[in-house]
Amino acid sequence: MSKVQIHSPSPDFALEDFRGRAVQLSDFFSKKNVVLVFNRGFS
């Protein structure tokens, strides 16, 4: 997978919410602000 450049649109992807339903990033386009956080992990 290639790196995402700063100030460029995020690629569309889907993840499960806490209820197990699929949520796609594009579902929020022009509706809400989205903050993506990538944790390196906890030890």
N, C-alpha and C. Protein backbone atom coordinates (compact mmCIF):
# COMPACT_ATOMS: atom_id res chain seq x y z
N MET A 1 0.85 -1.18 0.00
CA MET A 1 0.00 0.00 0.00
C MET A 1 0.89 1.24 0.00
N SER A 2 0.56 2.19 -0.83
CA SER A 2 1.35 3.41 -0.90
C SER A 2 1.00 4.35 0.25
N LYS A 3 1.90 5.27 0.55
CA LYS A 3 1.69 6.23 1.63
C LYS A 3 0.68 7.28 1.19
N VAL A 4 -0.08 7.79 2.15
CA VAL A 4 -1.02 8.88 1.89
C VAL A 4 -0.25 10.18 2.11
N GLN A 5 -0.34 11.07 1.18
CA GLN A 5 0.34 12.35 1.27
C GLN A 5 -0.46 13.32 2.14
N ILE A 6 0.23 14.23 2.81
CA ILE A 6 -0.42 15.25 3.63
C ILE A 6 -1.32 16.11 2.75
N HIS A 7 -2.48 16.45 3.26
CA HIS A 7 -3.50 17.28 2.59
C HIS A 7 -4.12 16.60 1.37
N SER A 8 -4.02 15.30 1.29
CA SER A 8 -4.68 14.59 0.19
C SER A 8 -5.87 13.81 0.76
N PRO A 9 -6.87 13.53 -0.05
CA PRO A 9 -8.02 12.77 0.44
C PRO A 9 -7.61 11.37 0.88
N SER A 10 -8.26 10.90 1.90
CA SER A 10 -8.00 9.55 2.38
C SER A 10 -8.64 8.53 1.44
N PRO A 11 -8.01 7.39 1.27
CA PRO A 11 -8.67 6.35 0.48
C PRO A 11 -9.90 5.84 1.23
N ASP A 12 -10.91 5.42 0.50
CA ASP A 12 -12.12 4.91 1.12
C ASP A 12 -11.84 3.54 1.73
N PHE A 13 -12.40 3.28 2.90
CA PHE A 13 -12.25 1.98 3.55
C PHE A 13 -13.46 1.75 4.44
N ALA A 14 -13.64 0.51 4.87
CA ALA A 14 -14.75 0.15 5.74
C ALA A 14 -14.22 -0.59 6.96
N LEU A 15 -14.83 -0.31 8.11
CA LEU A 15 -14.52 -1.00 9.36
C LEU A 15 -15.83 -1.30 10.08
N GLU A 16 -15.78 -2.18 11.06
CA GLU A 16 -16.96 -2.47 11.84
C GLU A 16 -17.06 -1.50 13.01
N ASP A 17 -18.30 -1.06 13.31
CA ASP A 17 -18.50 -0.21 14.49
C ASP A 17 -18.65 -1.11 15.71
N PHE A 18 -18.95 -0.52 16.86
CA PHE A 18 -19.03 -1.29 18.09
C PHE A 18 -20.21 -2.25 18.12
N ARG A 19 -21.14 -2.10 17.19
CA ARG A 19 -22.27 -3.03 17.07
C ARG A 19 -22.01 -4.13 16.05
N GLY A 20 -20.86 -4.07 15.37
CA GLY A 20 -20.54 -5.07 14.37
C GLY A 20 -21.03 -4.74 12.97
N ARG A 21 -21.58 -3.52 12.79
CA ARG A 21 -22.07 -3.11 11.47
C ARG A 21 -20.95 -2.44 10.69
N ALA A 22 -20.90 -2.68 9.39
CA ALA A 22 -19.88 -2.07 8.54
C ALA A 22 -20.16 -0.58 8.36
N VAL A 23 -19.13 0.23 8.53
CA VAL A 23 -19.21 1.67 8.34
C VAL A 23 -18.12 2.05 7.35
N GLN A 24 -18.50 2.76 6.31
CA GLN A 24 -17.55 3.15 5.28
C GLN A 24 -17.22 4.63 5.41
N LEU A 25 -15.96 4.99 5.20
CA LEU A 25 -15.54 6.38 5.30
C LEU A 25 -16.35 7.26 4.37
N SER A 26 -16.64 6.79 3.18
CA SER A 26 -17.40 7.59 2.20
C SER A 26 -18.82 7.89 2.67
N ASP A 27 -19.34 7.15 3.67
CA ASP A 27 -20.67 7.43 4.21
C ASP A 27 -20.73 8.81 4.86
N PHE A 28 -19.59 9.35 5.28
CA PHE A 28 -19.54 10.62 5.98
C PHE A 28 -19.12 11.78 5.10
N PHE A 29 -18.83 11.53 3.83
CA PHE A 29 -18.37 12.57 2.93
C PHE A 29 -19.38 13.70 2.83
N SER A 30 -18.93 14.93 3.09
CA SER A 30 -19.74 16.15 3.06
C SER A 30 -20.85 16.18 4.11
N LYS A 31 -20.78 15.30 5.12
CA LYS A 31 -21.79 15.28 6.18
C LYS A 31 -21.19 15.59 7.54
N LYS A 32 -20.02 15.04 7.83
CA LYS A 32 -19.41 15.17 9.14
C LYS A 32 -17.90 15.25 8.98
N ASN A 33 -17.25 15.79 10.02
CA ASN A 33 -15.79 15.75 10.06
C ASN A 33 -15.36 14.40 10.62
N VAL A 34 -14.28 13.88 10.08
CA VAL A 34 -13.78 12.58 10.52
C VAL A 34 -12.33 12.76 10.95
N VAL A 35 -12.00 12.22 12.12
CA VAL A 35 -10.62 12.24 12.62
C VAL A 35 -10.11 10.81 12.64
N LEU A 36 -9.01 10.57 11.95
CA LEU A 36 -8.40 9.24 11.94
C LEU A 36 -7.21 9.25 12.88
N VAL A 37 -7.14 8.25 13.75
CA VAL A 37 -6.03 8.12 14.69
C VAL A 37 -5.43 6.74 14.51
N PHE A 38 -4.14 6.71 14.31
CA PHE A 38 -3.43 5.45 14.15
C PHE A 38 -2.48 5.29 15.33
N ASN A 39 -2.82 4.38 16.25
CA ASN A 39 -1.97 4.12 17.39
C ASN A 39 -0.88 3.13 17.01
N ARG A 40 0.28 3.33 17.55
CA ARG A 40 1.39 2.41 17.27
C ARG A 40 1.27 1.13 18.08
N GLY A 41 0.45 1.13 19.08
CA GLY A 41 0.28 -0.05 19.92
C GLY A 41 0.62 0.23 21.35
N PHE A 42 0.16 -0.62 22.19
CA PHE A 42 0.40 -0.47 23.63
C PHE A 42 1.18 -1.68 24.10
N SER A 43 2.08 -1.42 25.04
CA SER A 43 2.83 -2.56 25.58
C SER A 43 2.76 -2.58 27.08
